[in-house]
Amino acid sequence: MEKGKRLIAVVGPTASGKTALAVQLAKKYDGEVVSADSMQIYTGMDIASAKPTEAEKEGIPHHLMDFLDPCESFSVSDYVKLAARAIDDILNRGRQPIICGGSGLYVRSLINNISFADEEKNEQLRQELNDRYDEEGGEVMLRELETFDPETAQRLHPSDKKRIVRAIEIYRSTGINMTEHIQRSRLVPSPYEVTAIGLTFADRQKLYERINTRVDRMLENGLVEEARDFYADKKGHTASAAIGYKELRLYLEGRISLEAAVEKLKMETRRFAKRQMTWFRADEYIHWIEVDCCEDVLAEAERIIQDGGKPWINPHGSEKE
């Protein structure tokens, strides 16, 4: 049987150390990083999306980062296509692709070869649903989604406007819900063999402390000013929902104090991290490293890649030697 395209993936919640590990693995295995972050794709949102600085990249090329205007729409299908193209380019140059990010839907859709056809887009319906969301709120829309796609509804948060609207749009356009679309898409074999490494914490409070520290550092680096500039330009709906901007908007509009906005930002980021962990825990092929219990995370990641028992796993279930 022909071997698939080998990938290394580094996943996990925000502030867990994914970028640093991906960079070190790229240096070890002559690799390049392909971002799997739904907000780092946008230009100008450097601080809010925690894009790595040039110093943090340590000379390692990073793909699918900082290339799209926040006013532009971008789907999971778009990501899969661009990521596949970047992976092929990296492999053709004899280097190792390393997927890195916390957007679980991006990662899962890429390595499982999940995509949606262009004919499933209905711009008029999407606009109607967007307007309804703005008027009625996410809780109402999520309850509607639950009536015909409870599995998708269960994993979405009421604030996830884009994916709630998309899931309803797909069902209303095709008569088939998102869950069924994904199941059908998985009938097409994935071209990839993946070693997926997940970063987590045995003591979740330590992760939350890292999140709080990151938020403080983002504020010191100018997050408030970046958010003010962003809203002055009236950017697109998807990007404006980014954690870090929507919480500060209340402060920028004079509705709450900066202290209250910062506390809300920290709380929402912690909640986001919990949702990320719930998502990734459902993927059984991920090899988890507890960062707070591991003396050398890089060495443990190398062990998993080199001789971790069954390091190369095809997402469809077949093990590769």
C-alpha atoms as a PDB file:
ATOM      1  CA  MET A   1       0.000   0.000   0.000  1.00  0.00           C
ATOM      2  CA  GLU A   2       1.315   3.436  -0.921  1.00  0.00           C
ATOM      3  CA  LYS A   3       2.275   5.492   2.079  1.00  0.00           C
ATOM      4  CA  GLY A   4       0.466   8.762   2.725  1.00  0.00           C
ATOM      5  CA  LYS A   5       1.977  12.193   3.138  1.00  0.00           C
ATOM      6  CA  ARG A   6       3.496  12.323   6.589  1.00  0.00           C
ATOM      7  CA  LEU A   7       2.585  15.234   8.825  1.00  0.00           C
ATOM      8  CA  ILE A   8       3.389  16.287  12.356  1.00  0.00           C
ATOM      9  CA  ALA A   9       0.642  18.204  14.142  1.00  0.00           C
ATOM     10  CA  VAL A  10       0.965  20.196  17.358  1.00  0.00           C
ATOM     11  CA  VAL A  11      -2.418  21.039  18.895  1.00  0.00           C
ATOM     12  CA  GLY A  12      -3.950  22.067  22.182  1.00  0.00           C
ATOM     13  CA  PRO A  13      -5.497  25.015  24.007  1.00  0.00           C
ATOM     14  CA  THR A  14      -4.368  28.597  23.805  1.00  0.00           C
ATOM     15  CA  ALA A  15      -1.236  29.501  25.810  1.00  0.00           C
ATOM     16  CA  SER A  16      -0.121  25.864  26.095  1.00  0.00           C
ATOM     17  CA  GLY A  17       3.168  26.379  24.218  1.00  0.00           C
ATOM     18  CA  LYS A  18       2.247  25.039  20.767  1.00  0.00           C
ATOM     19  CA  THR A  19       4.199  27.599  18.754  1.00  0.00           C
ATOM     20  CA  ALA A  20       7.429  27.116  20.682  1.00  0.00           C
ATOM     21  CA  LEU A  21       7.234  23.332  20.351  1.00  0.00           C
ATOM     22  CA  ALA A  22       6.386  23.486  16.633  1.00  0.00           C
ATOM     23  CA  VAL A  23       9.382  25.728  15.998  1.00  0.00           C
ATOM     24  CA  GLN A  24      11.725  23.413  17.893  1.00  0.00           C
ATOM     25  CA  LEU A  25      10.385  20.375  16.015  1.00  0.00           C
ATOM     26  CA  ALA A  26      10.838  22.215  12.720  1.00  0.00           C
ATOM     27  CA  LYS A  27      14.468  22.853  13.600  1.00  0.00           C
ATOM     28  CA  LYS A  28      14.911  19.191  14.543  1.00  0.00           C
ATOM     29  CA  TYR A  29      13.212  17.683  11.479  1.00  0.00           C
ATOM     30  CA  ASP A  30      14.021  20.297   8.823  1.00  0.00           C
ATOM     31  CA  GLY A  31      10.429  21.442   8.803  1.00  0.00           C
ATOM     32  CA  GLU A  32       8.157  24.380   8.109  1.00  0.00           C
ATOM     33  CA  VAL A  33       5.056  25.356  10.060  1.00  0.00           C
ATOM     34  CA  VAL A  34       1.551  25.467   8.585  1.00  0.00           C
ATOM     35  CA  SER A  35      -0.686  27.477  10.888  1.00  0.00           C
ATOM     36  CA  ALA A  36      -4.091  26.101  11.899  1.00  0.00           C
ATOM     37  CA  ASP A  37      -5.423  29.196  13.627  1.00  0.00           C
ATOM     38  CA  SER A  38      -8.644  30.779  12.396  1.00  0.00           C
ATOM     39  CA  MET A  39      -7.645  34.283  13.546  1.00  0.00           C
ATOM     40  CA  GLN A  40      -3.943  34.349  12.691  1.00  0.00           C
ATOM     41  CA  ILE A  41      -4.908  34.268   9.007  1.00  0.00           C
ATOM     42  CA  TYR A  42      -5.970  37.923   9.214  1.00  0.00           C
ATOM     43  CA  THR A  43      -3.671  40.888   8.662  1.00  0.00           C
ATOM     44  CA  GLY A  44      -3.342  43.510  11.369  1.00  0.00           C
ATOM     45  CA  MET A  45      -4.606  41.358  14.230  1.00  0.00           C
ATOM     46  CA  ASP A  46      -1.140  40.574  15.509  1.00  0.00           C
ATOM     47  CA  ILE A  47      -1.578  40.996  19.254  1.00  0.00           C
ATOM     48  CA  ALA A  48      -5.157  39.713  19.615  1.00  0.00           C
ATOM     49  CA  SER A  49      -4.415  36.514  17.695  1.00  0.00           C
ATOM     50  CA  ALA A  50      -1.047  36.001  19.429  1.00  0.00           C
ATOM     51  CA  LYS A  51       0.842  35.707  16.150  1.00  0.00           C
ATOM     52  CA  PRO A  52       4.423  34.655  16.761  1.00  0.00           C
ATOM     53  CA  THR A  53       6.984  37.398  16.297  1.00  0.00           C
ATOM     54  CA  GLU A  54       9.910  36.985  13.929  1.00  0.00           C
ATOM     55  CA  ALA A  55      12.091  36.306  16.962  1.00  0.00           C
ATOM     56  CA  GLU A  56       9.715  33.574  18.141  1.00  0.00           C
ATOM     57  CA  LYS A  57       9.708  31.970  14.680  1.00  0.00           C
ATOM     58  CA  GLU A  58      13.514  31.597  14.930  1.00  0.00           C
ATOM     59  CA  GLY A  59      13.873  31.696  11.155  1.00  0.00           C
ATOM     60  CA  ILE A  60      11.366  28.886  10.532  1.00  0.00           C
ATOM     61  CA  PRO A  61       8.966  29.631   7.627  1.00  0.00           C
ATOM     62  CA  HIS A  62       5.315  29.899   8.711  1.00  0.00           C
ATOM     63  CA  HIS A  63       2.484  29.430   6.208  1.00  0.00           C
ATOM     64  CA  LEU A  64      -1.202  30.500   6.203  1.00  0.00           C
ATOM     65  CA  MET A  65      -0.570  33.355   8.577  1.00  0.00           C
ATOM     66  CA  ASP A  66      -1.190  37.081   8.139  1.00  0.00           C
ATOM     67  CA  PHE A  67      -2.460  36.945   4.549  1.00  0.00           C
ATOM     68  CA  LEU A  68      -6.187  37.839   4.560  1.00  0.00           C
ATOM     69  CA  ASP A  69      -7.949  41.167   5.117  1.00  0.00           C
ATOM     70  CA  PRO A  70     -10.349  40.908   8.094  1.00  0.00           C
ATOM     71  CA  CYS A  71     -13.213  42.052   5.855  1.00  0.00           C
ATOM     72  CA  GLU A  72     -12.814  38.965   3.657  1.00  0.00           C
ATOM     73  CA  SER A  73     -14.737  35.768   4.296  1.00  0.00           C
ATOM     74  CA  PHE A  74     -12.837  32.525   4.779  1.00  0.00           C
ATOM     75  CA  SER A  75     -14.283  29.043   5.207  1.00  0.00           C
ATOM     76  CA  VAL A  76     -12.962  25.764   6.564  1.00  0.00           C
ATOM     77  CA  SER A  77     -13.019  24.480   2.993  1.00  0.00           C
ATOM     78  CA  ASP A  78     -10.812  27.406   1.954  1.00  0.00           C
ATOM     79  CA  TYR A  79      -8.402  26.500   4.721  1.00  0.00           C
ATOM     80  CA  VAL A  80      -8.213  22.837   3.707  1.00  0.00           C
ATOM     81  CA  LYS A  81      -7.425  23.770   0.106  1.00  0.00           C
ATOM     82  CA  LEU A  82      -4.719  26.295   0.997  1.00  0.00           C
ATOM     83  CA  ALA A  83      -3.190  24.096   3.683  1.00  0.00           C
ATOM     84  CA  ALA A  84      -3.034  21.117   1.308  1.00  0.00           C
ATOM     85  CA  ARG A  85      -1.294  23.304  -1.245  1.00  0.00           C
ATOM     86  CA  ALA A  86       1.233  24.511   1.340  1.00  0.00           C
ATOM     87  CA  ILE A  87       1.865  20.952   2.546  1.00  0.00           C
ATOM     88  CA  ASP A  88       2.526  19.726  -0.991  1.00  0.00           C
ATOM     89  CA  ASP A  89       4.924  22.603  -1.590  1.00  0.00           C
ATOM     90  CA  ILE A  90       6.839  21.833   1.603  1.00  0.00           C
ATOM     91  CA  LEU A  91       7.008  18.107   0.825  1.00  0.00           C
ATOM     92  CA  ASN A  92       8.108  18.745  -2.764  1.00  0.00           C
ATOM     93  CA  ARG A  93      11.046  20.707  -1.405  1.00  0.00           C
ATOM     94  CA  GLY A  94      12.027  17.745   0.760  1.00  0.00           C
ATOM     95  CA  ARG A  95      11.006  19.330   4.064  1.00  0.00           C
ATOM     96  CA  GLN A  96       8.651  18.282   6.872  1.00  0.00           C
ATOM     97  CA  PRO A  97       5.255  20.001   7.242  1.00  0.00           C
ATOM     98  CA  ILE A  98       4.271  20.720  10.842  1.00  0.00           C
ATOM     99  CA  ILE A  99       0.665  21.730  11.460  1.00  0.00           C
ATOM    100  CA  CYS A 100       0.341  24.005  14.481  1.00  0.00           C
ATOM    101  CA  GLY A 101      -2.756  25.581  15.950  1.00  0.00           C
ATOM    102  CA  GLY A 102      -5.731  25.479  18.221  1.00  0.00           C
ATOM    103  CA  SER A 103      -8.568  25.674  15.703  1.00  0.00           C
ATOM    104  CA  GLY A 104      -9.834  22.133  16.032  1.00  0.00           C
ATOM    105  CA  LEU A 105     -12.172  22.246  13.059  1.00  0.00           C
ATOM    106  CA  TYR A 106      -9.311  23.353  10.799  1.00  0.00           C
ATOM    107  CA  VAL A 107      -7.034  20.556  12.021  1.00  0.00           C
ATOM    108  CA  ARG A 108      -9.660  17.826  11.880  1.00  0.00           C
ATOM    109  CA  SER A 109     -10.966  18.877   8.467  1.00  0.00           C
ATOM    110  CA  LEU A 110      -7.460  18.978   7.012  1.00  0.00           C
ATOM    111  CA  ILE A 111      -6.156  15.635   8.204  1.00  0.00           C
ATOM    112  CA  ASN A 112      -9.477  13.875   7.564  1.00  0.00           C
ATOM    113  CA  ASN A 113      -9.789  15.449   4.121  1.00  0.00           C
ATOM    114  CA  ILE A 114     -13.167  17.010   4.942  1.00  0.00           C
ATOM    115  CA  SER A 115     -14.454  19.728   2.628  1.00  0.00           C
ATOM    116  CA  PHE A 116     -17.684  21.165   1.282  1.00  0.00           C
ATOM    117  CA  ALA A 117     -18.583  21.801  -2.331  1.00  0.00           C
ATOM    118  CA  ASP A 118     -18.881  25.357  -3.613  1.00  0.00           C
ATOM    119  CA  GLU A 119     -22.471  24.783  -4.698  1.00  0.00           C
ATOM    120  CA  GLU A 120     -23.446  24.479  -1.052  1.00  0.00           C
ATOM    121  CA  LYS A 121     -22.910  28.226  -0.593  1.00  0.00           C
ATOM    122  CA  ASN A 122     -26.042  30.377  -0.540  1.00  0.00           C
ATOM    123  CA  GLU A 123     -25.055  34.010  -0.037  1.00  0.00           C
ATOM    124  CA  GLN A 124     -28.621  35.345   0.203  1.00  0.00           C
ATOM    125  CA  LEU A 125     -29.620  32.774   2.796  1.00  0.00           C
ATOM    126  CA  ARG A 126     -26.398  33.373   4.705  1.00  0.00           C
ATOM    127  CA  GLN A 127     -27.119  37.092   4.925  1.00  0.00           C
ATOM    128  CA  GLU A 128     -30.645  36.394   6.159  1.00  0.00           C
ATOM    129  CA  LEU A 129     -29.290  34.063   8.825  1.00  0.00           C
ATOM    130  CA  ASN A 130     -26.624  36.587   9.832  1.00  0.00           C
ATOM    131  CA  ASP A 131     -29.325  39.224  10.258  1.00  0.00           C
ATOM    132  CA  ARG A 132     -31.424  36.817  12.312  1.00  0.00           C
ATOM    133  CA  TYR A 133     -28.462  36.028  14.537  1.00  0.00           C
ATOM    134  CA  ASP A 134     -27.898  39.740  15.175  1.00  0.00           C
ATOM    135  CA  GLU A 135     -31.576  40.224  16.039  1.00  0.00           C
ATOM    136  CA  GLU A 136     -32.368  37.038  17.952  1.00  0.00           C
ATOM    137  CA  GLY A 137     -29.004  36.004  19.377  1.00  0.00           C
ATOM    138  CA  GLY A 138     -26.907  32.844  19.397  1.00  0.00           C
ATOM    139  CA  GLU A 139     -28.967  30.957  21.976  1.00  0.00           C
ATOM    140  CA  VAL A 140     -32.087  31.071  19.785  1.00  0.00           C
ATOM    141  CA  MET A 141     -30.190  30.077  16.632  1.00  0.00           C
ATOM    142  CA  LEU A 142     -28.414  27.261  18.445  1.00  0.00           C
ATOM    143  CA  ARG A 143     -31.733  25.838  19.660  1.00  0.00           C
ATOM    144  CA  GLU A 144     -32.964  25.847  16.064  1.00  0.00           C
ATOM    145  CA  LEU A 145     -29.835  24.028  14.921  1.00  0.00           C
ATOM    146  CA  GLU A 146     -30.329  21.459  17.671  1.00  0.00           C
ATOM    147  CA  THR A 147     -33.688  20.396  16.186  1.00  0.00           C
ATOM    148  CA  PHE A 148     -32.063  18.955  13.052  1.00  0.00           C
ATOM    149  CA  ASP A 149     -28.366  18.590  13.964  1.00  0.00           C
ATOM    150  CA  PRO A 150     -27.959  18.026  17.721  1.00  0.00           C
ATOM    151  CA  GLU A 151     -24.393  16.737  17.369  1.00  0.00           C
ATOM    152  CA  THR A 152     -23.143  19.938  15.731  1.00  0.00           C
ATOM    153  CA  ALA A 153     -25.200  22.110  18.081  1.00  0.00           C
ATOM    154  CA  GLN A 154     -23.666  20.426  21.108  1.00  0.00           C
ATOM    155  CA  ARG A 155     -20.114  21.377  20.174  1.00  0.00           C
ATOM    156  CA  LEU A 156     -20.837  25.006  19.242  1.00  0.00           C
ATOM    157  CA  HIS A 157     -20.938  27.980  21.594  1.00  0.00           C
ATOM    158  CA  PRO A 158     -23.750  30.558  21.233  1.00  0.00           C
ATOM    159  CA  SER A 159     -21.143  33.216  20.380  1.00  0.00           C
ATOM    160  CA  ASP A 160     -19.822  31.195  17.425  1.00  0.00           C
ATOM    161  CA  LYS A 161     -21.929  33.093  14.908  1.00  0.00           C
ATOM    162  CA  LYS A 162     -20.063  32.006  11.798  1.00  0.00           C
ATOM    163  CA  ARG A 163     -20.351  28.255  12.393  1.00  0.00           C
ATOM    164  CA  ILE A 164     -23.923  28.356  13.682  1.00  0.00           C
ATOM    165  CA  VAL A 165     -25.018  30.274  10.585  1.00  0.00           C
ATOM    166  CA  ARG A 166     -23.017  27.977   8.303  1.00  0.00           C
ATOM    167  CA  ALA A 167     -24.516  24.822   9.815  1.00  0.00           C
ATOM    168  CA  ILE A 168     -28.060  26.102   9.372  1.00  0.00           C
ATOM    169  CA  GLU A 169     -27.254  27.339   5.857  1.00  0.00           C
ATOM    170  CA  ILE A 170     -25.954  23.928   4.790  1.00  0.00           C
ATOM    171  CA  TYR A 171     -29.057  22.140   6.052  1.00  0.00           C
ATOM    172  CA  ARG A 172     -31.472  24.675   4.560  1.00  0.00           C
ATOM    173  CA  SER A 173     -29.643  24.567   1.201  1.00  0.00           C
ATOM    174  CA  THR A 174     -29.158  20.819   0.855  1.00  0.00           C
ATOM    175  CA  GLY A 175     -31.516  19.071   3.265  1.00  0.00           C
ATOM    176  CA  ILE A 176     -28.506  17.321   4.783  1.00  0.00           C
ATOM    177  CA  ASN A 177     -27.086  18.482   8.101  1.00  0.00           C
ATOM    178  CA  MET A 178     -23.455  19.284   8.856  1.00  0.00           C
ATOM    179  CA  THR A 179     -22.860  16.020  10.725  1.00  0.00           C
ATOM    180  CA  GLU A 180     -24.010  13.971   7.736  1.00  0.00           C
ATOM    181  CA  HIS A 181     -21.918  16.068   5.336  1.00  0.00           C
ATOM    182  CA  ILE A 182     -18.836  15.372   7.420  1.00  0.00           C
ATOM    183  CA  GLN A 183     -19.583  11.648   7.557  1.00  0.00           C
ATOM    184  CA  ARG A 184     -19.985  11.503   3.782  1.00  0.00           C
ATOM    185  CA  SER A 185     -16.804  13.487   3.228  1.00  0.00           C
ATOM    186  CA  ARG A 186     -14.867  10.975   5.327  1.00  0.00           C
ATOM    187  CA  LEU A 187     -15.669   8.256   2.805  1.00  0.00           C
ATOM    188  CA  VAL A 188     -12.880   9.804   0.712  1.00  0.00           C
ATOM    189  CA  PRO A 189      -9.595   8.503   2.189  1.00  0.00           C
ATOM    190  CA  SER A 190      -7.248  11.017   3.738  1.00  0.00           C
ATOM    191  CA  PRO A 191      -3.938  11.468   1.890  1.00  0.00           C
ATOM    192  CA  TYR A 192      -2.127  12.040   5.192  1.00  0.00           C
ATOM    193  CA  GLU A 193      -0.462  10.003   7.900  1.00  0.00           C
ATOM    194  CA  VAL A 194      -0.255  12.091  11.027  1.00  0.00           C
ATOM    195  CA  THR A 195       1.648  12.148  14.261  1.00  0.00           C
ATOM    196  CA  ALA A 196      -0.542  14.437  16.350  1.00  0.00           C
ATOM    197  CA  ILE A 197       0.916  15.785  19.596  1.00  0.00           C
ATOM    198  CA  GLY A 198      -1.389  17.559  22.024  1.00  0.00           C
ATOM    199  CA  LEU A 199      -0.252  19.840  24.836  1.00  0.00           C
ATOM    200  CA  THR A 200      -2.301  19.851  28.018  1.00  0.00           C
ATOM    201  CA  PHE A 201      -1.945  20.409  31.764  1.00  0.00           C
ATOM    202  CA  ALA A 202      -2.623  17.965  34.584  1.00  0.00           C
ATOM    203  CA  ASP A 203      -3.408  20.977  36.769  1.00  0.00           C
ATOM    204  CA  ARG A 204      -5.749  23.131  34.678  1.00  0.00           C
ATOM    205  CA  GLN A 205      -5.206  26.063  37.036  1.00  0.00           C
ATOM    206  CA  LYS A 206      -1.623  26.294  35.757  1.00  0.00           C
ATOM    207  CA  LEU A 207      -2.940  26.708  32.213  1.00  0.00           C
ATOM    208  CA  TYR A 208      -5.311  29.421  33.419  1.00  0.00           C
ATOM    209  CA  GLU A 209      -2.411  31.211  35.083  1.00  0.00           C
ATOM    210  CA  ARG A 210      -0.540  31.138  31.775  1.00  0.00           C
ATOM    211  CA  ILE A 211      -3.608  32.532  30.028  1.00  0.00           C
ATOM    212  CA  ASN A 212      -3.881  35.382  32.527  1.00  0.00           C
ATOM    213  CA  THR A 213      -0.190  36.163  32.125  1.00  0.00           C
ATOM    214  CA  ARG A 214      -0.531  36.133  28.329  1.00  0.00           C
ATOM    215  CA  VAL A 215      -3.443  38.585  28.464  1.00  0.00           C
ATOM    216  CA  ASP A 216      -1.427  40.915  30.699  1.00  0.00           C
ATOM    217  CA  ARG A 217       1.465  40.753  28.240  1.00  0.00           C
ATOM    218  CA  MET A 218      -0.861  41.436  25.284  1.00  0.00           C
ATOM    219  CA  LEU A 219      -2.142  44.561  27.038  1.00  0.00           C
ATOM    220  CA  GLU A 220       1.419  45.725  27.666  1.00  0.00           C
ATOM    221  CA  ASN A 221       2.163  45.210  23.971  1.00  0.00           C
ATOM    222  CA  GLY A 222      -0.701  47.456  22.866  1.00  0.00           C
ATOM    223  CA  LEU A 223      -3.843  45.309  22.593  1.00  0.00           C
ATOM    224  CA  VAL A 224      -6.162  48.200  23.495  1.00  0.00           C
ATOM    225  CA  GLU A 225      -4.680  50.397  20.770  1.00  0.00           C
ATOM    226  CA  GLU A 226      -4.877  47.557  18.234  1.00  0.00           C
ATOM    227  CA  ALA A 227      -8.550  46.982  19.079  1.00  0.00           C
ATOM    228  CA  ARG A 228      -9.298  50.709  18.834  1.00  0.00           C
ATOM    229  CA  ASP A 229      -7.687  50.889  15.373  1.00  0.00           C
ATOM    230  CA  PHE A 230      -9.533  47.757  14.304  1.00  0.00           C
ATOM    231  CA  TYR A 231     -12.991  49.068  15.155  1.00  0.00           C
ATOM    232  CA  ALA A 232     -12.181  52.457  13.663  1.00  0.00           C
ATOM    233  CA  ASP A 233     -11.835  50.671  10.317  1.00  0.00           C
ATOM    234  CA  LYS A 234     -15.161  48.809  10.802  1.00  0.00           C
ATOM    235  CA  LYS A 235     -13.765  45.400   9.985  1.00  0.00           C
ATOM    236  CA  GLY A 236     -15.700  42.258   9.071  1.00  0.00           C
ATOM    237  CA  HIS A 237     -18.070  40.327  11.316  1.00  0.00           C
ATOM    238  CA  THR A 238     -15.940  37.198  11.680  1.00  0.00           C
ATOM    239  CA  ALA A 239     -12.764  38.959  12.719  1.00  0.00           C
ATOM    240  CA  SER A 240     -14.612  41.370  15.011  1.00  0.00           C
ATOM    241  CA  ALA A 241     -15.725  38.377  17.080  1.00  0.00           C
ATOM    242  CA  ALA A 242     -12.113  37.544  17.948  1.00  0.00           C
ATOM    243  CA  ILE A 243     -11.431  37.094  21.646  1.00  0.00           C
ATOM    244  CA  GLY A 244      -9.523  40.195  22.673  1.00  0.00           C
ATOM    245  CA  TYR A 245     -11.495  42.611  20.534  1.00  0.00           C
ATOM    246  CA  LYS A 246     -15.126  41.972  21.448  1.00  0.00           C
ATOM    247  CA  GLU A 247     -14.407  42.200  25.194  1.00  0.00           C
ATOM    248  CA  LEU A 248     -12.470  45.459  24.819  1.00  0.00           C
ATOM    249  CA  ARG A 249     -15.164  46.954  22.623  1.00  0.00           C
ATOM    250  CA  LEU A 250     -17.338  47.457  25.698  1.00  0.00           C
ATOM    251  CA  TYR A 251     -14.516  49.496  27.225  1.00  0.00           C
ATOM    252  CA  LEU A 252     -13.844  51.444  24.029  1.00  0.00           C
ATOM    253  CA  GLU A 253     -17.538  52.372  23.884  1.00  0.00           C
ATOM    254  CA  GLY A 254     -17.374  53.629  27.466  1.00  0.00           C
ATOM    255  CA  ARG A 255     -19.792  51.007  28.776  1.00  0.00           C
ATOM    256  CA  ILE A 256     -17.450  49.313  31.273  1.00  0.00           C
ATOM    257  CA  SER A 257     -14.095  50.024  32.894  1.00  0.00           C
ATOM    258  CA  LEU A 258     -10.814  48.755  31.491  1.00  0.00           C
ATOM    259  CA  GLU A 259     -10.396  46.561  34.559  1.00  0.00           C
ATOM    260  CA  ALA A 260     -13.786  44.936  33.958  1.00  0.00           C
ATOM    261  CA  ALA A 261     -13.015  44.449  30.261  1.00  0.00           C
ATOM    262  CA  VAL A 262      -9.684  42.803  31.063  1.00  0.00           C
ATOM    263  CA  GLU A 263     -11.279  40.460  33.585  1.00  0.00           C
ATOM    264  CA  LYS A 264     -13.935  39.515  31.045  1.00  0.00           C
ATOM    265  CA  LEU A 265     -11.222  38.908  28.442  1.00  0.00           C
ATOM    266  CA  LYS A 266      -9.352  36.582  30.780  1.00  0.00           C
ATOM    267  CA  MET A 267     -12.537  34.704  31.649  1.00  0.00           C
ATOM    268  CA  GLU A 268     -13.578  34.284  28.008  1.00  0.00           C
ATOM    269  CA  THR A 269     -10.094  33.104  27.068  1.00  0.00           C
ATOM    270  CA  ARG A 270     -10.192  30.484  29.819  1.00  0.00           C
ATOM    271  CA  ARG A 271     -13.595  29.325  28.596  1.00  0.00           C
ATOM    272  CA  PHE A 272     -12.252  29.174  25.054  1.00  0.00           C
ATOM    273  CA  ALA A 273      -9.372  26.973  26.239  1.00  0.00           C
ATOM    274  CA  LYS A 274     -11.873  24.590  27.876  1.00  0.00           C
ATOM    275  CA  ARG A 275     -13.823  24.324  24.619  1.00  0.00           C
ATOM    276  CA  GLN A 276     -10.597  23.641  22.721  1.00  0.00           C
ATOM    277  CA  MET A 277      -9.716  20.799  25.083  1.00  0.00           C
ATOM    278  CA  THR A 278     -13.206  19.301  24.784  1.00  0.00           C
ATOM    279  CA  TRP A 279     -12.857  19.336  21.000  1.00  0.00           C
ATOM    280  CA  PHE A 280      -9.375  17.819  20.831  1.00  0.00           C
ATOM    281  CA  ARG A 281     -10.082  15.157  23.456  1.00  0.00           C
ATOM    282  CA  ALA A 282     -12.552  13.607  21.027  1.00  0.00           C
ATOM    283  CA  ASP A 283      -9.689  12.802  18.617  1.00  0.00           C
ATOM    284  CA  GLU A 284      -8.247   9.556  19.941  1.00  0.00           C
ATOM    285  CA  TYR A 285      -5.180   9.599  17.707  1.00  0.00           C
ATOM    286  CA  ILE A 286      -3.664  12.596  19.533  1.00  0.00           C
ATOM    287  CA  HIS A 287      -0.696  11.782  21.793  1.00  0.00           C
ATOM    288  CA  TRP A 288      -0.975  14.021  24.863  1.00  0.00           C
ATOM    289  CA  ILE A 289       1.882  15.591  26.791  1.00  0.00           C
ATOM    290  CA  GLU A 290       1.126  17.110  30.197  1.00  0.00           C
ATOM    291  CA  VAL A 291       3.324  20.175  30.088  1.00  0.00           C
ATOM    292  CA  ASP A 292       3.314  20.755  33.852  1.00  0.00           C
ATOM    293  CA  CYS A 293       4.391  17.154  34.532  1.00  0.00           C
ATOM    294  CA  CYS A 294       7.015  16.790  31.807  1.00  0.00           C
ATOM    295  CA  GLU A 295      10.600  17.809  32.413  1.00  0.00           C
ATOM    296  CA  ASP A 296      11.436  18.088  28.698  1.00  0.00           C
ATOM    297  CA  VAL A 297       8.457  18.584  26.370  1.00  0.00           C
ATOM    298  CA  LEU A 298      10.613  18.626  23.241  1.00  0.00           C
ATOM    299  CA  ALA A 299      12.328  15.345  24.140  1.00  0.00           C
ATOM    300  CA  GLU A 300       8.960  13.715  24.834  1.00  0.00           C
ATOM    301  CA  ALA A 301       7.590  14.960  21.509  1.00  0.00           C
ATOM    302  CA  GLU A 302      10.635  13.547  19.723  1.00  0.00           C
ATOM    303  CA  ARG A 303      10.112  10.208  21.467  1.00  0.00           C
ATOM    304  CA  ILE A 304       6.505  10.103  20.253  1.00  0.00           C
ATOM    305  CA  ILE A 305       7.572  10.911  16.708  1.00  0.00           C
ATOM    306  CA  GLN A 306      10.506   8.527  16.551  1.00  0.00           C
ATOM    307  CA  ASP A 307       9.440   5.474  18.516  1.00  0.00           C
ATOM    308  CA  GLY A 308       6.243   6.212  20.404  1.00  0.00           C
ATOM    309  CA  GLY A 309       4.748   2.785  19.704  1.00  0.00           C
ATOM    310  CA  LYS A 310       2.316   3.810  16.948  1.00  0.00           C
ATOM    311  CA  PRO A 311       3.385   7.313  15.994  1.00  0.00           C
ATOM    312  CA  TRP A 312       1.989   7.480  12.460  1.00  0.00           C
ATOM    313  CA  ILE A 313      -1.788   7.259  12.546  1.00  0.00           C
ATOM    314  CA  ASN A 314      -4.107   7.654   9.595  1.00  0.00           C
ATOM    315  CA  PRO A 315      -7.158   9.535  10.906  1.00  0.00           C
ATOM    316  CA  HIS A 316      -9.429   6.963   9.303  1.00  0.00           C
ATOM    317  CA  GLY A 317      -8.070   4.331  11.644  1.00  0.00           C
ATOM    318  CA  SER A 318      -5.327   2.440   9.807  1.00  0.00           C
ATOM    319  CA  GLU A 319      -1.967   2.325  11.522  1.00  0.00           C
ATOM    320  CA  LYS A 320       1.198   2.966   9.553  1.00  0.00           C
ATOM    321  CA  GLU A 321       4.633   1.657  10.277  1.00  0.00           C
END
